[in-house]
PDB file of all heavy atoms in Angstrom:
ATOM      1  N   PHE A   1       0.802  -1.160  -0.059  1.00  0.00           N
ATOM      2  CA  PHE A   1      -0.020   0.012   0.006  1.00  0.00           C
ATOM      3  C   PHE A   1       0.782   1.264   0.004  1.00  0.00           C
ATOM      4  O   PHE A   1       0.383   2.276  -0.480  1.00  0.00           O
ATOM      5  CB  PHE A   1      -1.020  -0.087   1.089  1.00  0.00           C
ATOM      6  CG  PHE A   1      -2.179  -0.899   0.850  1.00  0.00           C
ATOM      7  CD1 PHE A   1      -2.102  -2.230   1.163  1.00  0.00           C
ATOM      8  CD2 PHE A   1      -3.319  -0.396   0.206  1.00  0.00           C
ATOM      9  CE1 PHE A   1      -3.238  -3.074   0.795  1.00  0.00           C
ATOM     10  CE2 PHE A   1      -4.417  -1.210  -0.037  1.00  0.00           C
ATOM     11  CZ  PHE A   1      -4.353  -2.558   0.149  1.00  0.00           C
ATOM     12  N   ALA A   2       2.108   1.184   0.409  1.00  0.00           N
ATOM     13  CA  ALA A   2       3.037   2.298   0.427  1.00  0.00           C
ATOM     14  C   ALA A   2       3.449   2.710  -1.000  1.00  0.00           C
ATOM     15  O   ALA A   2       3.866   3.736  -1.350  1.00  0.00           O
ATOM     16  CB  ALA A   2       4.245   1.988   1.162  1.00  0.00           C
ATOM     17  N   ALA A   3       3.093   1.724  -1.954  1.00  0.00           N
ATOM     18  CA  ALA A   3       3.317   1.901  -3.458  1.00  0.00           C
ATOM     19  C   ALA A   3       2.205   2.893  -3.984  1.00  0.00           C
ATOM     20  O   ALA A   3       2.404   3.458  -5.089  1.00  0.00           O
ATOM     21  CB  ALA A   3       3.295   0.605  -4.140  1.00  0.00           C
ATOM     22  N   ALA A   4       1.107   3.145  -3.215  1.00  0.00           N
ATOM     23  CA  ALA A   4       0.153   3.996  -3.791  1.00  0.00           C
ATOM     24  C   ALA A   4      -0.360   5.104  -2.822  1.00  0.00           C
ATOM     25  O   ALA A   4      -0.919   6.011  -3.226  1.00  0.00           O
ATOM     26  CB  ALA A   4      -1.140   3.165  -4.119  1.00  0.00           C
ATOM     27  N   PHE A   5      -0.080   4.937  -1.525  1.00  0.00           N
ATOM     28  CA  PHE A   5      -0.662   5.787  -0.379  1.00  0.00           C
ATOM     29  C   PHE A   5       0.428   6.182   0.589  1.00  0.00           C
ATOM     30  O   PHE A   5       1.335   5.489   0.779  1.00  0.00           O
ATOM     31  CB  PHE A   5      -1.752   5.090   0.329  1.00  0.00           C
ATOM     32  CG  PHE A   5      -2.936   4.616  -0.425  1.00  0.00           C
ATOM     33  CD1 PHE A   5      -2.972   3.246  -0.830  1.00  0.00           C
ATOM     34  CD2 PHE A   5      -4.057   5.442  -0.674  1.00  0.00           C
ATOM     35  CE1 PHE A   5      -4.121   2.867  -1.529  1.00  0.00           C
ATOM     36  CE2 PHE A   5      -5.155   4.931  -1.343  1.00  0.00           C
ATOM     37  CZ  PHE A   5      -5.167   3.697  -1.768  1.00  0.00           C
ATOM     38  N   ASN A   6       0.196   7.360   1.288  1.00  0.00           N
ATOM     39  CA  ASN A   6       0.818   7.560   2.497  1.00  0.00           C
ATOM     40  C   ASN A   6       0.131   6.602   3.470  1.00  0.00           C
ATOM     41  O   ASN A   6      -1.046   6.377   3.539  1.00  0.00           O
ATOM     42  CB  ASN A   6       0.639   8.927   2.993  1.00  0.00           C
ATOM     43  CG  ASN A   6       1.164  10.039   2.072  1.00  0.00           C
ATOM     44  OD1 ASN A   6       2.374  10.008   1.662  1.00  0.00           O
ATOM     45  ND2 ASN A   6       0.442  11.014   1.804  1.00  0.00           N
ATOM     46  N   VAL A   7       1.014   5.853   4.264  1.00  0.00           N
ATOM     47  CA  VAL A   7       0.482   4.865   5.125  1.00  0.00           C
ATOM     48  C   VAL A   7       1.046   4.993   6.548  1.00  0.00           C
ATOM     49  O   VAL A   7       2.163   5.463   6.781  1.00  0.00           O
ATOM     50  CB  VAL A   7       0.776   3.446   4.629  1.00  0.00           C
ATOM     51  CG1 VAL A   7       0.066   3.219   3.243  1.00  0.00           C
ATOM     52  CG2 VAL A   7       2.220   3.133   4.564  1.00  0.00           C
ATOM     53  N   VAL A   8       0.353   4.388   7.576  1.00  0.00           N
ATOM     54  CA  VAL A   8       0.751   4.249   8.913  1.00  0.00           C
ATOM     55  C   VAL A   8       0.377   2.845   9.356  1.00  0.00           C
ATOM     56  O   VAL A   8      -0.703   2.389   9.129  1.00  0.00           O
ATOM     57  CB  VAL A   8       0.143   5.321   9.817  1.00  0.00           C
ATOM     58  CG1 VAL A   8       0.616   5.152  11.278  1.00  0.00           C
ATOM     59  CG2 VAL A   8       0.287   6.655   9.348  1.00  0.00           C
ATOM     60  N   ASP A   9       1.342   2.089  10.036  1.00  0.00           N
ATOM     61  CA  ASP A   9       0.874   0.837  10.585  1.00  0.00           C
ATOM     62  C   ASP A   9       1.442   0.696  11.937  1.00  0.00           C
ATOM     63  O   ASP A   9       2.048   1.548  12.527  1.00  0.00           O
ATOM     64  CB  ASP A   9       1.518  -0.345   9.657  1.00  0.00           C
ATOM     65  CG  ASP A   9       2.988  -0.691   9.885  1.00  0.00           C
ATOM     66  OD1 ASP A   9       3.559  -0.229  10.820  1.00  0.00           O
ATOM     67  OD2 ASP A   9       3.558  -1.378   8.991  1.00  0.00           O
ATOM     68  N   SER A  10       0.967  -0.411  12.606  1.00  0.00           N
ATOM     69  CA  SER A  10       1.291  -0.680  14.006  1.00  0.00           C
ATOM     70  C   SER A  10       2.083  -1.959  14.159  1.00  0.00           C
ATOM     71  O   SER A  10       1.945  -2.724  15.151  1.00  0.00           O
ATOM     72  CB  SER A  10       0.040  -0.735  14.867  1.00  0.00           C
ATOM     73  OG  SER A  10      -0.821  -1.760  14.457  1.00  0.00           O
ATOM     74  N   PHE A  11       3.016  -2.241  13.215  1.00  0.00           N
ATOM     75  CA  PHE A  11       3.857  -3.396  13.245  1.00  0.00           C
ATOM     76  C   PHE A  11       4.573  -3.501  14.484  1.00  0.00           C
ATOM     77  O   PHE A  11       5.337  -2.617  14.886  1.00  0.00           O
ATOM     78  CB  PHE A  11       4.769  -3.406  12.023  1.00  0.00           C
ATOM     79  CG  PHE A  11       5.674  -4.665  11.869  1.00  0.00           C
ATOM     80  CD1 PHE A  11       5.076  -5.721  11.248  1.00  0.00           C
ATOM     81  CD2 PHE A  11       6.949  -4.710  12.256  1.00  0.00           C
ATOM     82  CE1 PHE A  11       5.911  -6.872  11.076  1.00  0.00           C
ATOM     83  CE2 PHE A  11       7.667  -5.907  12.201  1.00  0.00           C
ATOM     84  CZ  PHE A  11       7.105  -7.034  11.607  1.00  0.00           C
ATOM     85  N   ASP A  12       4.425  -4.624  15.267  1.00  0.00           N
ATOM     86  CA  ASP A  12       4.967  -4.625  16.594  1.00  0.00           C
ATOM     87  C   ASP A  12       5.779  -5.878  16.883  1.00  0.00           C
ATOM     88  O   ASP A  12       6.000  -6.173  18.073  1.00  0.00           O
ATOM     89  CB  ASP A  12       3.858  -4.571  17.636  1.00  0.00           C
ATOM     90  CG  ASP A  12       2.794  -5.743  17.639  1.00  0.00           C
ATOM     91  OD1 ASP A  12       2.997  -6.676  16.767  1.00  0.00           O
ATOM     92  OD2 ASP A  12       1.867  -5.841  18.476  1.00  0.00           O
ATOM     93  N   THR A  13       6.229  -6.565  15.894  1.00  0.00           N
ATOM     94  CA  THR A  13       7.269  -7.753  16.140  1.00  0.00           C
ATOM     95  C   THR A  13       8.643  -7.023  16.110  1.00  0.00           C
ATOM     96  O   THR A  13       9.308  -6.800  15.131  1.00  0.00           O
ATOM     97  CB  THR A  13       7.105  -8.665  15.042  1.00  0.00           C
ATOM     98  OG1 THR A  13       5.791  -9.169  14.877  1.00  0.00           O
ATOM     99  CG2 THR A  13       8.037  -9.950  15.357  1.00  0.00           C
ATOM    100  N   HIS A  14       9.074  -6.722  17.385  1.00  0.00           N
ATOM    101  CA  HIS A  14      10.278  -5.914  17.539  1.00  0.00           C
ATOM    102  C   HIS A  14      11.468  -6.430  16.714  1.00  0.00           C
ATOM    103  O   HIS A  14      12.140  -5.615  16.102  1.00  0.00           O
ATOM    104  CB  HIS A  14      10.614  -5.845  19.084  1.00  0.00           C
ATOM    105  CG  HIS A  14       9.720  -5.039  19.877  1.00  0.00           C
ATOM    106  ND1 HIS A  14       9.897  -3.732  20.176  1.00  0.00           N
ATOM    107  CD2 HIS A  14       8.455  -5.294  20.420  1.00  0.00           C
ATOM    108  CE1 HIS A  14       8.923  -3.190  20.884  1.00  0.00           C
ATOM    109  NE2 HIS A  14       8.041  -4.190  21.007  1.00  0.00           N
ATOM    110  N   ALA A  15      11.689  -7.774  16.845  1.00  0.00           N
ATOM    111  CA  ALA A  15      12.909  -8.304  16.193  1.00  0.00           C
ATOM    112  C   ALA A  15      12.901  -8.150  14.689  1.00  0.00           C
ATOM    113  O   ALA A  15      13.898  -8.111  14.038  1.00  0.00           O
ATOM    114  CB  ALA A  15      13.047  -9.768  16.546  1.00  0.00           C
ATOM    115  N   ASN A  16      11.684  -7.998  14.079  1.00  0.00           N
ATOM    116  CA  ASN A  16      11.595  -7.906  12.607  1.00  0.00           C
ATOM    117  C   ASN A  16      11.384  -6.458  12.080  1.00  0.00           C
ATOM    118  O   ASN A  16      11.256  -6.286  10.847  1.00  0.00           O
ATOM    119  CB  ASN A  16      10.433  -8.785  12.042  1.00  0.00           C
ATOM    120  CG  ASN A  16      10.621 -10.329  12.421  1.00  0.00           C
ATOM    121  OD1 ASN A  16      11.738 -10.633  12.602  1.00  0.00           O
ATOM    122  ND2 ASN A  16       9.590 -10.986  12.433  1.00  0.00           N
ATOM    123  N   ILE A  17      11.487  -5.468  13.005  1.00  0.00           N
ATOM    124  CA  ILE A  17      11.229  -4.096  12.571  1.00  0.00           C
ATOM    125  C   ILE A  17      12.361  -3.626  11.548  1.00  0.00           C
ATOM    126  O   ILE A  17      11.999  -3.060  10.485  1.00  0.00           O
ATOM    127  CB  ILE A  17      11.257  -3.210  13.721  1.00  0.00           C
ATOM    128  CG1 ILE A  17       9.849  -3.321  14.421  1.00  0.00           C
ATOM    129  CG2 ILE A  17      11.418  -1.670  13.339  1.00  0.00           C
ATOM    130  CD1 ILE A  17       9.807  -2.581  15.793  1.00  0.00           C
ATOM    131  N   PRO A  18      13.658  -3.927  11.713  1.00  0.00           N
ATOM    132  CA  PRO A  18      14.590  -3.516  10.722  1.00  0.00           C
ATOM    133  C   PRO A  18      14.282  -4.000   9.254  1.00  0.00           C
ATOM    134  O   PRO A  18      14.442  -3.241   8.315  1.00  0.00           O
ATOM    135  CB  PRO A  18      15.973  -4.052  11.222  1.00  0.00           C
ATOM    136  CG  PRO A  18      15.739  -4.166  12.672  1.00  0.00           C
ATOM    137  CD  PRO A  18      14.359  -4.582  12.864  1.00  0.00           C
ATOM    138  N   ALA A  19      13.958  -5.353   9.096  1.00  0.00           N
ATOM    139  CA  ALA A  19      13.678  -5.829   7.840  1.00  0.00           C
ATOM    140  C   ALA A  19      12.374  -5.259   7.208  1.00  0.00           C
ATOM    141  O   ALA A  19      12.282  -4.877   6.112  1.00  0.00           O
ATOM    142  CB  ALA A  19      13.575  -7.329   7.861  1.00  0.00           C
ATOM    143  N   HIS A  20      11.394  -5.100   8.136  1.00  0.00           N
ATOM    144  CA  HIS A  20      10.176  -4.444   7.668  1.00  0.00           C
ATOM    145  C   HIS A  20      10.362  -2.991   7.186  1.00  0.00           C
ATOM    146  O   HIS A  20       9.822  -2.546   6.105  1.00  0.00           O
ATOM    147  CB  HIS A  20       9.148  -4.467   8.900  1.00  0.00           C
ATOM    148  CG  HIS A  20       7.757  -4.030   8.532  1.00  0.00           C
ATOM    149  ND1 HIS A  20       6.961  -4.507   7.572  1.00  0.00           N
ATOM    150  CD2 HIS A  20       6.949  -3.057   9.079  1.00  0.00           C
ATOM    151  CE1 HIS A  20       5.881  -3.859   7.490  1.00  0.00           C
ATOM    152  NE2 HIS A  20       5.850  -2.991   8.439  1.00  0.00           N
ATOM    153  N   PHE A  21      11.183  -2.278   7.897  1.00  0.00           N
ATOM    154  CA  PHE A  21      11.505  -0.872   7.525  1.00  0.00           C
ATOM    155  C   PHE A  21      12.165  -0.871   6.207  1.00  0.00           C
ATOM    156  O   PHE A  21      11.802  -0.101   5.311  1.00  0.00           O
ATOM    157  CB  PHE A  21      12.572  -0.300   8.596  1.00  0.00           C
ATOM    158  CG  PHE A  21      12.983   1.082   8.246  1.00  0.00           C
ATOM    159  CD1 PHE A  21      12.279   2.240   8.874  1.00  0.00           C
ATOM    160  CD2 PHE A  21      14.039   1.409   7.379  1.00  0.00           C
ATOM    161  CE1 PHE A  21      12.656   3.497   8.454  1.00  0.00           C
ATOM    162  CE2 PHE A  21      14.390   2.648   7.095  1.00  0.00           C
ATOM    163  CZ  PHE A  21      13.695   3.715   7.636  1.00  0.00           C
ATOM    164  N   ASP A  22      13.099  -1.800   5.804  1.00  0.00           N
ATOM    165  CA  ASP A  22      13.739  -1.742   4.518  1.00  0.00           C
ATOM    166  C   ASP A  22      12.812  -2.086   3.479  1.00  0.00           C
ATOM    167  O   ASP A  22      12.827  -1.402   2.408  1.00  0.00           O
ATOM    168  CB  ASP A  22      14.925  -2.764   4.561  1.00  0.00           C
ATOM    169  CG  ASP A  22      16.044  -2.515   5.434  1.00  0.00           C
ATOM    170  OD1 ASP A  22      16.180  -1.242   5.857  1.00  0.00           O
ATOM    171  OD2 ASP A  22      16.830  -3.274   5.786  1.00  0.00           O
ATOM    172  N   ALA A  23      11.903  -2.948   3.669  1.00  0.00           N
ATOM    173  CA  ALA A  23      10.896  -3.379   2.637  1.00  0.00           C
ATOM    174  C   ALA A  23       9.931  -2.214   2.331  1.00  0.00           C
ATOM    175  O   ALA A  23       9.767  -1.840   1.171  1.00  0.00           O
ATOM    176  CB  ALA A  23      10.129  -4.605   3.032  1.00  0.00           C
ATOM    177  N   VAL A  24       9.498  -1.481   3.430  1.00  0.00           N
ATOM    178  CA  VAL A  24       8.538  -0.423   3.270  1.00  0.00           C
ATOM    179  C   VAL A  24       9.251   0.807   2.689  1.00  0.00           C
ATOM    180  O   VAL A  24       8.738   1.508   1.879  1.00  0.00           O
ATOM    181  CB  VAL A  24       7.869  -0.161   4.607  1.00  0.00           C
ATOM    182  CG1 VAL A  24       6.980   1.125   4.517  1.00  0.00           C
ATOM    183  CG2 VAL A  24       7.051  -1.265   5.143  1.00  0.00           C
ATOM    184  N   ASP A  25      10.475   0.991   3.146  1.00  0.00           N
ATOM    185  CA  ASP A  25      11.194   2.191   2.675  1.00  0.00           C
ATOM    186  C   ASP A  25      11.432   2.195   1.107  1.00  0.00           C
ATOM    187  O   ASP A  25      11.261   3.194   0.415  1.00  0.00           O
ATOM    188  CB  ASP A  25      12.601   2.255   3.385  1.00  0.00           C
ATOM    189  CG  ASP A  25      13.313   3.568   3.140  1.00  0.00           C
ATOM    190  OD1 ASP A  25      12.753   4.601   3.270  1.00  0.00           O
ATOM    191  OD2 ASP A  25      14.574   3.579   2.897  1.00  0.00           O
ATOM    192  N   ALA A  26      11.817   0.997   0.634  1.00  0.00           N
ATOM    193  CA  ALA A  26      11.998   0.878  -0.896  1.00  0.00           C
ATOM    194  C   ALA A  26      10.717   1.203  -1.568  1.00  0.00           C
ATOM    195  O   ALA A  26      10.759   1.934  -2.599  1.00  0.00           O
ATOM    196  CB  ALA A  26      12.447  -0.593  -1.174  1.00  0.00           C
ATOM    197  N   ALA A  27       9.507   0.734  -1.157  1.00  0.00           N
ATOM    198  CA  ALA A  27       8.289   0.975  -1.851  1.00  0.00           C
ATOM    199  C   ALA A  27       7.847   2.434  -1.726  1.00  0.00           C
ATOM    200  O   ALA A  27       7.506   3.038  -2.737  1.00  0.00           O
ATOM    201  CB  ALA A  27       7.192   0.068  -1.173  1.00  0.00           C
ATOM    202  N   ALA A  28       8.006   2.967  -0.501  1.00  0.00           N
ATOM    203  CA  ALA A  28       7.624   4.403  -0.377  1.00  0.00           C
ATOM    204  C   ALA A  28       8.561   5.367  -1.101  1.00  0.00           C
ATOM    205  O   ALA A  28       8.069   6.392  -1.586  1.00  0.00           O
ATOM    206  CB  ALA A  28       7.595   4.795   1.228  1.00  0.00           C
ATOM    207  N   LYS A  29       9.804   5.104  -1.177  1.00  0.00           N
ATOM    208  CA  LYS A  29      10.626   5.993  -1.970  1.00  0.00           C
ATOM    209  C   LYS A  29      10.370   5.946  -3.454  1.00  0.00           C
ATOM    210  O   LYS A  29      10.371   6.949  -4.139  1.00  0.00           O
ATOM    211  CB  LYS A  29      12.112   5.630  -1.705  1.00  0.00           C
ATOM    212  CG  LYS A  29      12.661   6.172  -0.333  1.00  0.00           C
ATOM    213  CD  LYS A  29      14.132   5.795  -0.130  1.00  0.00           C
ATOM    214  CE  LYS A  29      14.580   6.452   1.177  1.00  0.00           C
ATOM    215  NZ  LYS A  29      15.947   5.914   1.596  1.00  0.00           N
ATOM    216  N   LYS A  30      10.015   4.711  -3.848  1.00  0.00           N
ATOM    217  CA  LYS A  30       9.662   4.598  -5.279  1.00  0.00           C
ATOM    218  C   LYS A  30       8.362   5.252  -5.682  1.00  0.00           C
ATOM    219  O   LYS A  30       8.258   5.943  -6.789  1.00  0.00           O
ATOM    220  CB  LYS A  30       9.576   3.027  -5.571  1.00  0.00           C
ATOM    221  CG  LYS A  30       9.411   2.784  -7.069  1.00  0.00           C
ATOM    222  CD  LYS A  30       9.378   1.285  -7.364  1.00  0.00           C
ATOM    223  CE  LYS A  30       9.268   0.968  -8.822  1.00  0.00           C
ATOM    224  NZ  LYS A  30       9.236  -0.455  -9.108  1.00  0.00           N
ATOM    225  N   SER A  31       7.503   5.326  -4.773  1.00  0.00           N
ATOM    226  CA  SER A  31       6.152   5.990  -4.996  1.00  0.00           C
ATOM    227  C   SER A  31       6.129   7.500  -4.657  1.00  0.00           C
ATOM    228  O   SER A  31       5.136   8.210  -5.005  1.00  0.00           O
ATOM    229  CB  SER A  31       5.044   5.241  -4.263  1.00  0.00           C
ATOM    230  OG  SER A  31       5.167   5.405  -2.836  1.00  0.00           O
ATOM    231  N   GLY A  32       7.175   7.904  -3.951  1.00  0.00           N
ATOM    232  CA  GLY A  32       7.189   9.259  -3.471  1.00  0.00           C
ATOM    233  C   GLY A  32       6.281   9.480  -2.186  1.00  0.00           C
ATOM    234  O   GLY A  32       5.882  10.694  -1.949  1.00  0.00           O
ATOM    235  N   LYS A  33       5.868   8.427  -1.607  1.00  0.00           N
ATOM    236  CA  LYS A  33       4.912   8.595  -0.405  1.00  0.00           C
ATOM    237  C   LYS A  33       5.750   8.484   0.936  1.00  0.00           C
ATOM    238  O   LYS A  33       6.791   8.034   0.979  1.00  0.00           O
ATOM    239  CB  LYS A  33       3.850   7.479  -0.458  1.00  0.00           C
ATOM    240  CG  LYS A  33       2.957   7.456  -1.680  1.00  0.00           C
ATOM    241  CD  LYS A  33       2.156   8.684  -1.693  1.00  0.00           C
ATOM    242  CE  LYS A  33       1.167   8.843  -2.931  1.00  0.00           C
ATOM    243  NZ  LYS A  33       0.407   9.987  -2.996  1.00  0.00           N
ATOM    244  N   VAL A  34       5.006   8.911   2.002  1.00  0.00           N
ATOM    245  CA  VAL A  34       5.580   8.649   3.450  1.00  0.00           C
ATOM    246  C   VAL A  34       4.817   7.467   4.056  1.00  0.00           C
ATOM    247  O   VAL A  34       3.617   7.368   4.016  1.00  0.00           O
ATOM    248  CB  VAL A  34       5.415   9.957   4.231  1.00  0.00           C
ATOM    249  CG1 VAL A  34       5.594   9.711   5.648  1.00  0.00           C
ATOM    250  CG2 VAL A  34       6.204  11.036   3.727  1.00  0.00           C
ATOM    251  N   ALA A  35       5.640   6.575   4.593  1.00  0.00           N
ATOM    252  CA  ALA A  35       5.152   5.473   5.427  1.00  0.00           C
ATOM    253  C   ALA A  35       5.668   5.549   6.809  1.00  0.00           C
ATOM    254  O   ALA A  35       6.933   5.753   6.887  1.00  0.00           O
ATOM    255  CB  ALA A  35       5.567   4.150   4.812  1.00  0.00           C
ATOM    256  N   ILE A  36       4.898   5.459   7.789  1.00  0.00           N
ATOM    257  CA  ILE A  36       5.370   5.465   9.243  1.00  0.00           C
ATOM    258  C   ILE A  36       4.964   4.116   9.827  1.00  0.00           C
ATOM    259  O   ILE A  36       3.795   3.776   9.819  1.00  0.00           O
ATOM    260  CB  ILE A  36       4.750   6.593  10.056  1.00  0.00           C
ATOM    261  CG1 ILE A  36       4.935   7.990   9.284  1.00  0.00           C
ATOM    262  CG2 ILE A  36       5.453   6.678  11.451  1.00  0.00           C
ATOM    263  CD1 ILE A  36       4.382   9.160   9.983  1.00  0.00           C
ATOM    264  N   ILE A  37       6.013   3.406  10.260  1.00  0.00           N
ATOM    265  CA  ILE A  37       5.758   1.997  10.776  1.00  0.00           C
ATOM    266  C   ILE A  37       5.847   1.940  12.276  1.00  0.00           C
ATOM    267  O   ILE A  37       6.481   2.844  12.883  1.00  0.00           O
ATOM    268  CB  ILE A  37       6.654   0.967  10.125  1.00  0.00           C
ATOM    269  CG1 ILE A  37       8.136   1.238  10.440  1.00  0.00           C
ATOM    270  CG2 ILE A  37       6.489   0.973   8.550  1.00  0.00           C
ATOM    271  CD1 ILE A  37       9.042  -0.030  10.191  1.00  0.00           C
ATOM    272  N   SER A  38       5.349   0.819  12.772  1.00  0.00           N
ATOM    273  CA  SER A  38       5.523   0.502  14.216  1.00  0.00           C
ATOM    274  C   SER A  38       5.053   1.617  15.233  1.00  0.00           C
ATOM    275  O   SER A  38       5.758   2.058  16.115  1.00  0.00           O
ATOM    276  CB  SER A  38       6.990   0.161  14.510  1.00  0.00           C
ATOM    277  OG  SER A  38       7.442  -0.971  13.798  1.00  0.00           O
ATOM    278  N   VAL A  39       3.830   2.125  14.873  1.00  0.00           N
ATOM    279  CA  VAL A  39       3.254   3.210  15.617  1.00  0.00           C
ATOM    280  C   VAL A  39       2.256   2.583  16.682  1.00  0.00           C
ATOM    281  O   VAL A  39       1.380   1.749  16.188  1.00  0.00           O
ATOM    282  CB  VAL A  39       2.472   4.170  14.623  1.00  0.00           C
ATOM    283  CG1 VAL A  39       1.684   5.179  15.451  1.00  0.00           C
ATOM    284  CG2 VAL A  39       3.564   4.895  13.701  1.00  0.00           C
ATOM    285  N   GLY A  40       2.341   3.070  17.817  1.00  0.00           N
ATOM    286  CA  GLY A  40       1.480   2.544  18.920  1.00  0.00           C
ATOM    287  C   GLY A  40       2.002   2.949  20.189  1.00  0.00           C
ATOM    288  O   GLY A  40       2.626   4.025  20.409  1.00  0.00           O
ATOM    289  N   TRP A  41       1.946   2.072  21.253  1.00  0.00           N
ATOM    290  CA  TRP A  41       2.484   2.421  22.550  1.00  0.00           C
ATOM    291  C   TRP A  41       3.678   1.657  22.872  1.00  0.00           C
ATOM    292  O   TRP A  41       4.673   2.091  23.401  1.00  0.00           O
ATOM    293  CB  TRP A  41       1.523   2.485  23.659  1.00  0.00           C
ATOM    294  CG  TRP A  41       0.738   1.190  23.907  1.00  0.00           C
ATOM    295  CD1 TRP A  41      -0.435   0.766  23.271  1.00  0.00           C
ATOM    296  CD2 TRP A  41       1.027   0.205  24.870  1.00  0.00           C
ATOM    297  NE1 TRP A  41      -0.831  -0.446  23.894  1.00  0.00           N
ATOM    298  CE2 TRP A  41       0.029  -0.780  24.849  1.00  0.00           C
ATOM    299  CE3 TRP A  41       1.996   0.050  25.822  1.00  0.00           C
ATOM    300  CZ2 TRP A  41       0.043  -1.907  25.624  1.00  0.00           C
ATOM    301  CZ3 TRP A  41       2.031  -1.057  26.674  1.00  0.00           C
ATOM    302  CH2 TRP A  41       1.049  -1.993  26.629  1.00  0.00           C
TER     303      TRP A  41
END
């Protein structure tokens, strides 16, 4: 969805955040959108 929208998610598997960041970053940079991940408490 970062390929088409500005997005926000609440991804909370701490150990996998770096890999998730990299995957989302590539998609959002390609689309020119902003994606904010791992949002919550």
